[in-house]
Amino acid sequence: MKLFVRDKEFYKTLVAFALPIALQQLITVGVNMADNIMLGQLGEAPMSGATLANNFITIFQIMCMGLGMGASVLVSRFFGMIYPWELLQVLFGSGPDSGFISC
């Protein structure tokens, strides 16, 4: 079993996908840390409130990433099988409050 792929184009594509995601997470963590540093000068209560809010933001981001990953699996499956109706149902749902786009 090969551990590494020897194709350089694969690693270029991998970095092209991974770098924006990593930078987005780095910016989010940096903003949250800046909030904590600025509010740390005001006292313990404002700082604990910002830390609690940062925890909810992190949970929300993880949930959004999970929804996006689930949608990408279903969309790629139905797109590869050439089922446009099922693809539209996954994206937009069959009702006004269903589907990944309505989230």
PDB file of N, CA and C in Angstrom:
ATOM      1  N   MET A   1       0.848  -1.183   0.000  1.00  0.00           N
ATOM      2  CA  MET A   1       0.000   0.000   0.000  1.00  0.00           C
ATOM      3  C   MET A   1       0.891   1.243   0.000  1.00  0.00           C
ATOM      4  N   LYS A   2       0.604   2.140  -0.898  1.00  0.00           N
ATOM      5  CA  LYS A   2       1.366   3.388  -0.953  1.00  0.00           C
ATOM      6  C   LYS A   2       0.858   4.352   0.106  1.00  0.00           C
ATOM      7  N   LEU A   3       1.801   4.983   0.778  1.00  0.00           N
ATOM      8  CA  LEU A   3       1.417   5.945   1.799  1.00  0.00           C
ATOM      9  C   LEU A   3       1.257   7.344   1.211  1.00  0.00           C
ATOM     10  N   PHE A   4       2.096   7.679   0.261  1.00  0.00           N
ATOM     11  CA  PHE A   4       2.075   9.012  -0.333  1.00  0.00           C
ATOM     12  C   PHE A   4       1.774   8.918  -1.822  1.00  0.00           C
ATOM     13  N   VAL A   5       1.117   9.943  -2.316  1.00  0.00           N
ATOM     14  CA  VAL A   5       0.868  10.047  -3.746  1.00  0.00           C
ATOM     15  C   VAL A   5       2.058  10.765  -4.370  1.00  0.00           C
ATOM     16  N   ARG A   6       2.568  10.235  -5.442  1.00  0.00           N
ATOM     17  CA  ARG A   6       3.766  10.812  -6.048  1.00  0.00           C
ATOM     18  C   ARG A   6       3.451  11.886  -7.089  1.00  0.00           C
ATOM     19  N   ASP A   7       2.198  12.148  -7.300  1.00  0.00           N
ATOM     20  CA  ASP A   7       1.791  13.143  -8.287  1.00  0.00           C
ATOM     21  C   ASP A   7       1.846  14.541  -7.667  1.00  0.00           C
ATOM     22  N   LYS A   8       2.650  15.434  -8.220  1.00  0.00           N
ATOM     23  CA  LYS A   8       2.788  16.787  -7.678  1.00  0.00           C
ATOM     24  C   LYS A   8       1.526  17.616  -7.902  1.00  0.00           C
ATOM     25  N   GLU A   9       0.811  17.311  -8.946  1.00  0.00           N
ATOM     26  CA  GLU A   9      -0.431  18.041  -9.237  1.00  0.00           C
ATOM     27  C   GLU A   9      -1.464  17.790  -8.131  1.00  0.00           C
ATOM     28  N   PHE A  10      -1.464  16.590  -7.571  1.00  0.00           N
ATOM     29  CA  PHE A  10      -2.378  16.261  -6.468  1.00  0.00           C
ATOM     30  C   PHE A  10      -2.118  17.165  -5.267  1.00  0.00           C
ATOM     31  N   TYR A  11      -0.849  17.347  -4.928  1.00  0.00           N
ATOM     32  CA  TYR A  11      -0.512  18.168  -3.763  1.00  0.00           C
ATOM     33  C   TYR A  11      -0.779  19.646  -4.024  1.00  0.00           C
ATOM     34  N   LYS A  12      -0.622  20.088  -5.257  1.00  0.00           N
ATOM     35  CA  LYS A  12      -0.968  21.476  -5.587  1.00  0.00           C
ATOM     36  C   LYS A  12      -2.465  21.703  -5.415  1.00  0.00           C
ATOM     37  N   THR A  13      -3.257  20.757  -5.875  1.00  0.00           N
ATOM     38  CA  THR A  13      -4.706  20.861  -5.736  1.00  0.00           C
ATOM     39  C   THR A  13      -5.113  20.789  -4.258  1.00  0.00           C
ATOM     40  N   LEU A  14      -4.458  19.893  -3.514  1.00  0.00           N
ATOM     41  CA  LEU A  14      -4.756  19.764  -2.092  1.00  0.00           C
ATOM     42  C   LEU A  14      -4.462  21.052  -1.337  1.00  0.00           C
ATOM     43  N   VAL A  15      -3.341  21.678  -1.623  1.00  0.00           N
ATOM     44  CA  VAL A  15      -2.991  22.939  -0.969  1.00  0.00           C
ATOM     45  C   VAL A  15      -3.953  24.045  -1.395  1.00  0.00           C
ATOM     46  N   ALA A  16      -4.361  24.035  -2.664  1.00  0.00           N
ATOM     47  CA  ALA A  16      -5.301  25.053  -3.146  1.00  0.00           C
ATOM     48  C   ALA A  16      -6.648  24.951  -2.428  1.00  0.00           C
ATOM     49  N   PHE A  17      -7.050  23.739  -2.042  1.00  0.00           N
ATOM     50  CA  PHE A  17      -8.296  23.576  -1.301  1.00  0.00           C
ATOM     51  C   PHE A  17      -8.112  23.831   0.190  1.00  0.00           C
ATOM     52  N   ALA A  18      -7.021  23.355   0.752  1.00  0.00           N
ATOM     53  CA  ALA A  18      -6.838  23.402   2.199  1.00  0.00           C
ATOM     54  C   ALA A  18      -6.423  24.776   2.702  1.00  0.00           C
ATOM     55  N   LEU A  19      -5.667  25.522   1.921  1.00  0.00           N
ATOM     56  CA  LEU A  19      -5.157  26.810   2.384  1.00  0.00           C
ATOM     57  C   LEU A  19      -6.259  27.824   2.701  1.00  0.00           C
ATOM     58  N   PRO A  20      -7.263  28.022   1.845  1.00  0.00           N
ATOM     59  CA  PRO A  20      -8.327  28.977   2.218  1.00  0.00           C
ATOM     60  C   PRO A  20      -9.119  28.555   3.456  1.00  0.00           C
ATOM     61  N   ILE A  21      -9.322  27.257   3.624  1.00  0.00           N
ATOM     62  CA  ILE A  21     -10.048  26.777   4.805  1.00  0.00           C
ATOM     63  C   ILE A  21      -9.235  27.037   6.062  1.00  0.00           C
ATOM     64  N   ALA A  22      -7.938  26.744   5.997  1.00  0.00           N
ATOM     65  CA  ALA A  22      -7.075  26.977   7.155  1.00  0.00           C
ATOM     66  C   ALA A  22      -6.967  28.466   7.473  1.00  0.00           C
ATOM     67  N   LEU A  23      -6.886  29.302   6.447  1.00  0.00           N
ATOM     68  CA  LEU A  23      -6.814  30.750   6.679  1.00  0.00           C
ATOM     69  C   LEU A  23      -8.107  31.281   7.291  1.00  0.00           C
ATOM     70  N   GLN A  24      -9.246  30.750   6.855  1.00  0.00           N
ATOM     71  CA  GLN A  24     -10.522  31.174   7.428  1.00  0.00           C
ATOM     72  C   GLN A  24     -10.579  30.831   8.911  1.00  0.00           C
ATOM     73  N   GLN A  25     -10.161  29.636   9.266  1.00  0.00           N
ATOM     74  CA  GLN A  25     -10.164  29.238  10.670  1.00  0.00           C
ATOM     75  C   GLN A  25      -9.170  30.065  11.479  1.00  0.00           C
ATOM     76  N   LEU A  26      -8.021  30.369  10.875  1.00  0.00           N
ATOM     77  CA  LEU A  26      -7.020  31.186  11.555  1.00  0.00           C
ATOM     78  C   LEU A  26      -7.542  32.591  11.826  1.00  0.00           C
ATOM     79  N   ILE A  27      -8.245  33.162  10.862  1.00  0.00           N
ATOM     80  CA  ILE A  27      -8.828  34.499  11.050  1.00  0.00           C
ATOM     81  C   ILE A  27      -9.892  34.471  12.145  1.00  0.00           C
ATOM     82  N   THR A  28     -10.723  33.430  12.151  1.00  0.00           N
ATOM     83  CA  THR A  28     -11.764  33.324  13.173  1.00  0.00           C
ATOM     84  C   THR A  28     -11.165  33.199  14.566  1.00  0.00           C
ATOM     85  N   VAL A  29     -10.161  32.363  14.703  1.00  0.00           N
ATOM     86  CA  VAL A  29      -9.506  32.203  16.006  1.00  0.00           C
ATOM     87  C   VAL A  29      -8.818  33.507  16.403  1.00  0.00           C
ATOM     88  N   GLY A  30      -8.212  34.197  15.449  1.00  0.00           N
ATOM     89  CA  GLY A  30      -7.557  35.473  15.745  1.00  0.00           C
ATOM     90  C   GLY A  30      -8.530  36.535  16.218  1.00  0.00           C
ATOM     91  N   VAL A  31      -9.692  36.608  15.591  1.00  0.00           N
ATOM     92  CA  VAL A  31     -10.706  37.587  16.012  1.00  0.00           C
ATOM     93  C   VAL A  31     -11.223  37.253  17.408  1.00  0.00           C
ATOM     94  N   ASN A  32     -11.467  35.969  17.658  1.00  0.00           N
ATOM     95  CA  ASN A  32     -11.933  35.575  18.992  1.00  0.00           C
ATOM     96  C   ASN A  32     -10.876  35.872  20.058  1.00  0.00           C
ATOM     97  N   MET A  33      -9.612  35.643  19.725  1.00  0.00           N
ATOM     98  CA  MET A  33      -8.551  35.936  20.685  1.00  0.00           C
ATOM     99  C   MET A  33      -8.427  37.437  20.914  1.00  0.00           C
ATOM    100  N   ALA A  34      -8.577  38.224  19.854  1.00  0.00           N
ATOM    101  CA  ALA A  34      -8.531  39.681  20.021  1.00  0.00           C
ATOM    102  C   ALA A  34      -9.677  40.168  20.900  1.00  0.00           C
ATOM    103  N   ASP A  35     -10.860  39.578  20.741  1.00  0.00           N
ATOM    104  CA  ASP A  35     -11.989  39.917  21.629  1.00  0.00           C
ATOM    105  C   ASP A  35     -11.652  39.641  23.082  1.00  0.00           C
ATOM    106  N   ASN A  36     -11.077  38.477  23.326  1.00  0.00           N
ATOM    107  CA  ASN A  36     -10.735  38.119  24.706  1.00  0.00           C
ATOM    108  C   ASN A  36      -9.662  39.036  25.275  1.00  0.00           C
ATOM    109  N   ILE A  37      -8.696  39.414  24.458  1.00  0.00           N
ATOM    110  CA  ILE A  37      -7.631  40.304  24.953  1.00  0.00           C
ATOM    111  C   ILE A  37      -8.187  41.688  25.269  1.00  0.00           C
ATOM    112  N   MET A  38      -9.024  42.223  24.369  1.00  0.00           N
ATOM    113  CA  MET A  38      -9.584  43.559  24.604  1.00  0.00           C
ATOM    114  C   MET A  38     -10.526  43.579  25.802  1.00  0.00           C
ATOM    115  N   LEU A  39     -11.345  42.538  25.933  1.00  0.00           N
ATOM    116  CA  LEU A  39     -12.287  42.506  27.049  1.00  0.00           C
ATOM    117  C   LEU A  39     -11.628  42.096  28.355  1.00  0.00           C
ATOM    118  N   GLY A  40     -10.443  41.510  28.281  1.00  0.00           N
ATOM    119  CA  GLY A  40      -9.734  41.150  29.500  1.00  0.00           C
ATOM    120  C   GLY A  40      -9.357  42.360  30.327  1.00  0.00           C
ATOM    121  N   GLN A  41      -9.252  43.525  29.678  1.00  0.00           N
ATOM    122  CA  GLN A  41      -8.923  44.750  30.404  1.00  0.00           C
ATOM    123  C   GLN A  41     -10.116  45.293  31.178  1.00  0.00           C
ATOM    124  N   LEU A  42     -11.321  44.882  30.785  1.00  0.00           N
ATOM    125  CA  LEU A  42     -12.526  45.386  31.450  1.00  0.00           C
ATOM    126  C   LEU A  42     -12.892  44.606  32.697  1.00  0.00           C
ATOM    127  N   GLY A  43     -12.456  43.372  32.758  1.00  0.00           N
ATOM    128  CA  GLY A  43     -12.763  42.591  33.952  1.00  0.00           C
ATOM    129  C   GLY A  43     -13.104  41.160  33.624  1.00  0.00           C
ATOM    130  N   GLU A  44     -13.439  40.446  34.675  1.00  0.00           N
ATOM    131  CA  GLU A  44     -13.674  39.012  34.535  1.00  0.00           C
ATOM    132  C   GLU A  44     -15.018  38.695  33.891  1.00  0.00           C
ATOM    133  N   ALA A  45     -16.064  39.437  34.236  1.00  0.00           N
ATOM    134  CA  ALA A  45     -17.404  39.149  33.710  1.00  0.00           C
ATOM    135  C   ALA A  45     -17.499  39.381  32.197  1.00  0.00           C
ATOM    136  N   PRO A  46     -17.025  40.519  31.646  1.00  0.00           N
ATOM    137  CA  PRO A  46     -17.089  40.675  30.194  1.00  0.00           C
ATOM    138  C   PRO A  46     -16.245  39.640  29.448  1.00  0.00           C
ATOM    139  N   MET A  47     -15.113  39.284  30.038  1.00  0.00           N
ATOM    140  CA  MET A  47     -14.253  38.307  29.382  1.00  0.00           C
ATOM    141  C   MET A  47     -14.902  36.924  29.369  1.00  0.00           C
ATOM    142  N   SER A  48     -15.554  36.545  30.432  1.00  0.00           N
ATOM    143  CA  SER A  48     -16.221  35.245  30.453  1.00  0.00           C
ATOM    144  C   SER A  48     -17.413  35.226  29.498  1.00  0.00           C
ATOM    145  N   GLY A  49     -18.080  36.371  29.334  1.00  0.00           N
ATOM    146  CA  GLY A  49     -19.170  36.449  28.355  1.00  0.00           C
ATOM    147  C   GLY A  49     -18.680  36.283  26.941  1.00  0.00           C
ATOM    148  N   ALA A  50     -17.557  36.907  26.617  1.00  0.00           N
ATOM    149  CA  ALA A  50     -16.988  36.763  25.274  1.00  0.00           C
ATOM    150  C   ALA A  50     -16.509  35.339  25.032  1.00  0.00           C
ATOM    151  N   THR A  51     -15.933  34.718  26.045  1.00  0.00           N
ATOM    152  CA  THR A  51     -15.480  33.338  25.905  1.00  0.00           C
ATOM    153  C   THR A  51     -16.660  32.406  25.681  1.00  0.00           C
ATOM    154  N   LEU A  52     -17.749  32.623  26.392  1.00  0.00           N
ATOM    155  CA  LEU A  52     -18.949  31.813  26.205  1.00  0.00           C
ATOM    156  C   LEU A  52     -19.513  32.004  24.796  1.00  0.00           C
ATOM    157  N   ALA A  53     -19.537  33.245  24.315  1.00  0.00           N
ATOM    158  CA  ALA A  53     -20.030  33.506  22.957  1.00  0.00           C
ATOM    159  C   ALA A  53     -19.129  32.849  21.925  1.00  0.00           C
ATOM    160  N   ASN A  54     -17.823  32.842  22.150  1.00  0.00           N
ATOM    161  CA  ASN A  54     -16.899  32.195  21.220  1.00  0.00           C
ATOM    162  C   ASN A  54     -17.151  30.694  21.155  1.00  0.00           C
ATOM    163  N   ASN A  55     -17.531  30.095  22.272  1.00  0.00           N
ATOM    164  CA  ASN A  55     -17.848  28.665  22.258  1.00  0.00           C
ATOM    165  C   ASN A  55     -19.065  28.383  21.384  1.00  0.00           C
ATOM    166  N   PHE A  56     -20.093  29.231  21.475  1.00  0.00           N
ATOM    167  CA  PHE A  56     -21.275  29.042  20.633  1.00  0.00           C
ATOM    168  C   PHE A  56     -20.944  29.263  19.159  1.00  0.00           C
ATOM    169  N   ILE A  57     -20.090  30.222  18.872  1.00  0.00           N
ATOM    170  CA  ILE A  57     -19.687  30.468  17.486  1.00  0.00           C
ATOM    171  C   ILE A  57     -18.944  29.257  16.932  1.00  0.00           C
ATOM    172  N   THR A  58     -18.079  28.663  17.731  1.00  0.00           N
ATOM    173  CA  THR A  58     -17.341  27.492  17.291  1.00  0.00           C
ATOM    174  C   THR A  58     -18.281  26.322  17.021  1.00  0.00           C
ATOM    175  N   ILE A  59     -19.249  26.100  17.901  1.00  0.00           N
ATOM    176  CA  ILE A  59     -20.219  25.023  17.697  1.00  0.00           C
ATOM    177  C   ILE A  59     -21.037  25.278  16.439  1.00  0.00           C
ATOM    178  N   PHE A  60     -21.439  26.519  16.210  1.00  0.00           N
ATOM    179  CA  PHE A  60     -22.198  26.865  15.010  1.00  0.00           C
ATOM    180  C   PHE A  60     -21.369  26.613  13.752  1.00  0.00           C
ATOM    181  N   GLN A  61     -20.098  26.973  13.775  1.00  0.00           N
ATOM    182  CA  GLN A  61     -19.241  26.734  12.611  1.00  0.00           C
ATOM    183  C   GLN A  61     -19.066  25.248  12.337  1.00  0.00           C
ATOM    184  N   ILE A  62     -18.913  24.454  13.386  1.00  0.00           N
ATOM    185  CA  ILE A  62     -18.778  23.011  13.198  1.00  0.00           C
ATOM    186  C   ILE A  62     -20.052  22.423  12.616  1.00  0.00           C
ATOM    187  N   MET A  63     -21.216  22.899  13.064  1.00  0.00           N
ATOM    188  CA  MET A  63     -22.479  22.415  12.515  1.00  0.00           C
ATOM    189  C   MET A  63     -22.631  22.807  11.051  1.00  0.00           C
ATOM    190  N   CYS A  64     -22.233  24.030  10.706  1.00  0.00           N
ATOM    191  CA  CYS A  64     -22.308  24.460   9.304  1.00  0.00           C
ATOM    192  C   CYS A  64     -21.364  23.645   8.422  1.00  0.00           C
ATOM    193  N   MET A  65     -20.173  23.343   8.940  1.00  0.00           N
ATOM    194  CA  MET A  65     -19.253  22.510   8.169  1.00  0.00           C
ATOM    195  C   MET A  65     -19.828  21.114   7.970  1.00  0.00           C
ATOM    196  N   GLY A  66     -20.472  20.570   8.997  1.00  0.00           N
ATOM    197  CA  GLY A  66     -21.093  19.253   8.867  1.00  0.00           C
ATOM    198  C   GLY A  66     -22.207  19.242   7.839  1.00  0.00           C
ATOM    199  N   LEU A  67     -23.041  20.286   7.854  1.00  0.00           N
ATOM    200  CA  LEU A  67     -24.098  20.383   6.844  1.00  0.00           C
ATOM    201  C   LEU A  67     -23.514  20.506   5.440  1.00  0.00           C
ATOM    202  N   GLY A  68     -22.470  21.295   5.312  1.00  0.00           N
ATOM    203  CA  GLY A  68     -21.836  21.450   4.006  1.00  0.00           C
ATOM    204  C   GLY A  68     -21.208  20.170   3.502  1.00  0.00           C
ATOM    205  N   MET A  69     -20.566  19.436   4.402  1.00  0.00           N
ATOM    206  CA  MET A  69     -19.960  18.169   3.999  1.00  0.00           C
ATOM    207  C   MET A  69     -21.024  17.146   3.617  1.00  0.00           C
ATOM    208  N   GLY A  70     -22.101  17.100   4.390  1.00  0.00           N
ATOM    209  CA  GLY A  70     -23.188  16.190   4.050  1.00  0.00           C
ATOM    210  C   GLY A  70     -23.833  16.540   2.723  1.00  0.00           C
ATOM    211  N   ALA A  71     -24.022  17.820   2.487  1.00  0.00           N
ATOM    212  CA  ALA A  71     -24.608  18.251   1.219  1.00  0.00           C
ATOM    213  C   ALA A  71     -23.675  17.952   0.061  1.00  0.00           C
ATOM    214  N   SER A  72     -22.373  18.120   0.256  1.00  0.00           N
ATOM    215  CA  SER A  72     -21.443  17.866  -0.851  1.00  0.00           C
ATOM    216  C   SER A  72     -21.420  16.393  -1.225  1.00  0.00           C
ATOM    217  N   VAL A  73     -21.567  15.500  -0.238  1.00  0.00           N
ATOM    218  CA  VAL A  73     -21.611  14.068  -0.540  1.00  0.00           C
ATOM    219  C   VAL A  73     -22.849  13.739  -1.346  1.00  0.00           C
ATOM    220  N   LEU A  74     -24.001  14.248  -0.906  1.00  0.00           N
ATOM    221  CA  LEU A  74     -25.244  13.949  -1.612  1.00  0.00           C
ATOM    222  C   LEU A  74     -25.278  14.589  -2.999  1.00  0.00           C
ATOM    223  N   VAL A  75     -24.809  15.827  -3.098  1.00  0.00           N
ATOM    224  CA  VAL A  75     -24.820  16.514  -4.390  1.00  0.00           C
ATOM    225  C   VAL A  75     -23.896  15.813  -5.377  1.00  0.00           C
ATOM    226  N   SER A  76     -22.701  15.425  -4.940  1.00  0.00           N
ATOM    227  CA  SER A  76     -21.786  14.750  -5.857  1.00  0.00           C
ATOM    228  C   SER A  76     -22.323  13.387  -6.260  1.00  0.00           C
ATOM    229  N   ARG A  77     -22.998  12.713  -5.339  1.00  0.00           N
ATOM    230  CA  ARG A  77     -23.574  11.405  -5.676  1.00  0.00           C
ATOM    231  C   ARG A  77     -24.654  11.536  -6.740  1.00  0.00           C
ATOM    232  N   PHE A  78     -25.601  12.443  -6.529  1.00  0.00           N
ATOM    233  CA  PHE A  78     -26.690  12.587  -7.488  1.00  0.00           C
ATOM    234  C   PHE A  78     -26.221  13.240  -8.777  1.00  0.00           C
ATOM    235  N   PHE A  79     -25.218  14.105  -8.702  1.00  0.00           N
ATOM    236  CA  PHE A  79     -24.688  14.711  -9.920  1.00  0.00           C
ATOM    237  C   PHE A  79     -23.969  13.666 -10.761  1.00  0.00           C
ATOM    238  N   GLY A  80     -23.224  12.771 -10.101  1.00  0.00           N
ATOM    239  CA  GLY A  80     -22.529  11.713 -10.827  1.00  0.00           C
ATOM    240  C   GLY A  80     -23.479  10.695 -11.410  1.00  0.00           C
ATOM    241  N   MET A  81     -24.595  10.456 -10.741  1.00  0.00           N
ATOM    242  CA  MET A  81     -25.582   9.505 -11.246  1.00  0.00           C
ATOM    243  C   MET A  81     -26.515  10.148 -12.264  1.00  0.00           C
ATOM    244  N   ILE A  82     -26.384  11.425 -12.470  1.00  0.00           N
ATOM    245  CA  ILE A  82     -27.195  12.211 -13.403  1.00  0.00           C
ATOM    246  C   ILE A  82     -28.679  12.088 -13.056  1.00  0.00           C
ATOM    247  N   TYR A  83     -28.999  12.401 -11.796  1.00  0.00           N
ATOM    248  CA  TYR A  83     -30.380  12.486 -11.330  1.00  0.00           C
ATOM    249  C   TYR A  83     -30.654  13.930 -10.949  1.00  0.00           C
ATOM    250  N   PRO A  84     -31.052  14.765 -11.896  1.00  0.00           N
ATOM    251  CA  PRO A  84     -31.211  16.185 -11.567  1.00  0.00           C
ATOM    252  C   PRO A  84     -32.351  16.447 -10.586  1.00  0.00           C
ATOM    253  N   TRP A  85     -33.414  15.637 -10.595  1.00  0.00           N
ATOM    254  CA  TRP A  85     -34.531  15.905  -9.706  1.00  0.00           C
ATOM    255  C   TRP A  85     -34.132  15.679  -8.243  1.00  0.00           C
ATOM    256  N   GLU A  86     -33.426  14.578  -7.972  1.00  0.00           N
ATOM    257  CA  GLU A  86     -32.970  14.304  -6.620  1.00  0.00           C
ATOM    258  C   GLU A  86     -31.947  15.338  -6.169  1.00  0.00           C
ATOM    259  N   LEU A  87     -31.114  15.792  -7.113  1.00  0.00           N
ATOM    260  CA  LEU A  87     -30.131  16.830  -6.794  1.00  0.00           C
ATOM    261  C   LEU A  87     -30.825  18.112  -6.355  1.00  0.00           C
ATOM    262  N   LEU A  88     -31.871  18.498  -7.063  1.00  0.00           N
ATOM    263  CA  LEU A  88     -32.623  19.699  -6.687  1.00  0.00           C
ATOM    264  C   LEU A  88     -33.330  19.511  -5.344  1.00  0.00           C
ATOM    265  N   GLN A  89     -33.814  18.292  -5.057  1.00  0.00           N
ATOM    266  CA  GLN A  89     -34.457  18.054  -3.768  1.00  0.00           C
ATOM    267  C   GLN A  89     -33.459  18.149  -2.626  1.00  0.00           C
ATOM    268  N   VAL A  90     -32.230  17.685  -2.851  1.00  0.00           N
ATOM    269  CA  VAL A  90     -31.214  17.789  -1.804  1.00  0.00           C
ATOM    270  C   VAL A  90     -30.873  19.256  -1.558  1.00  0.00           C
ATOM    271  N   LEU A  91     -30.707  20.019  -2.614  1.00  0.00           N
ATOM    272  CA  LEU A  91     -30.307  21.416  -2.465  1.00  0.00           C
ATOM    273  C   LEU A  91     -31.425  22.289  -1.928  1.00  0.00           C
ATOM    274  N   PHE A  92     -32.592  22.183  -2.530  1.00  0.00           N
ATOM    275  CA  PHE A  92     -33.668  23.116  -2.208  1.00  0.00           C
ATOM    276  C   PHE A  92     -34.800  22.491  -1.405  1.00  0.00           C
ATOM    277  N   GLY A  93     -34.862  21.179  -1.347  1.00  0.00           N
ATOM    278  CA  GLY A  93     -35.904  20.494  -0.594  1.00  0.00           C
ATOM    279  C   GLY A  93     -37.212  20.465  -1.361  1.00  0.00           C
ATOM    280  N   SER A  94     -38.148  19.735  -0.813  1.00  0.00           N
ATOM    281  CA  SER A  94     -39.452  19.642  -1.476  1.00  0.00           C
ATOM    282  C   SER A  94     -40.460  20.606  -0.876  1.00  0.00           C
ATOM    283  N   GLY A  95     -40.117  21.261   0.201  1.00  0.00           N
ATOM    284  CA  GLY A  95     -41.020  22.221   0.837  1.00  0.00           C
ATOM    285  C   GLY A  95     -40.312  23.524   1.107  1.00  0.00           C
ATOM    286  N   PRO A  96     -41.028  24.487   1.661  1.00  0.00           N
ATOM    287  CA  PRO A  96     -40.407  25.805   1.890  1.00  0.00           C
ATOM    288  C   PRO A  96     -39.360  25.823   2.998  1.00  0.00           C
ATOM    289  N   ASP A  97     -39.396  24.860   3.913  1.00  0.00           N
ATOM    290  CA  ASP A  97     -38.446  24.871   5.022  1.00  0.00           C
ATOM    291  C   ASP A  97     -37.555  23.636   5.041  1.00  0.00           C
ATOM    292  N   SER A  98     -37.297  23.049   3.882  1.00  0.00           N
ATOM    293  CA  SER A  98     -36.430  21.889   3.830  1.00  0.00           C
ATOM    294  C   SER A  98     -35.322  22.120   2.811  1.00  0.00           C
ATOM    295  N   GLY A  99     -34.308  21.321   2.886  1.00  0.00           N
ATOM    296  CA  GLY A  99     -33.170  21.461   1.974  1.00  0.00           C
ATOM    297  C   GLY A  99     -32.015  22.187   2.626  1.00  0.00           C
ATOM    298  N   PHE A 100     -30.826  22.042   2.056  1.00  0.00           N
ATOM    299  CA  PHE A 100     -29.630  22.627   2.631  1.00  0.00           C
ATOM    300  C   PHE A 100     -29.547  24.126   2.370  1.00  0.00           C
ATOM    301  N   ILE A 101     -30.080  24.613   1.258  1.00  0.00           N
ATOM    302  CA  ILE A 101     -29.983  26.039   0.939  1.00  0.00           C
ATOM    303  C   ILE A 101     -30.859  26.849   1.882  1.00  0.00           C
ATOM    304  N   SER A 102     -31.979  26.291   2.334  1.00  0.00           N
ATOM    305  CA  SER A 102     -32.877  27.057   3.206  1.00  0.00           C
ATOM    306  C   SER A 102     -32.356  27.189   4.623  1.00  0.00           C
ATOM    307  N   CYS A 103     -31.296  26.433   4.973  1.00  0.00           N
ATOM    308  CA  CYS A 103     -30.723  26.555   6.318  1.00  0.00           C
ATOM    309  C   CYS A 103     -30.083  27.899   6.443  1.00  0.00           C
TER     310      CYS A 103
END
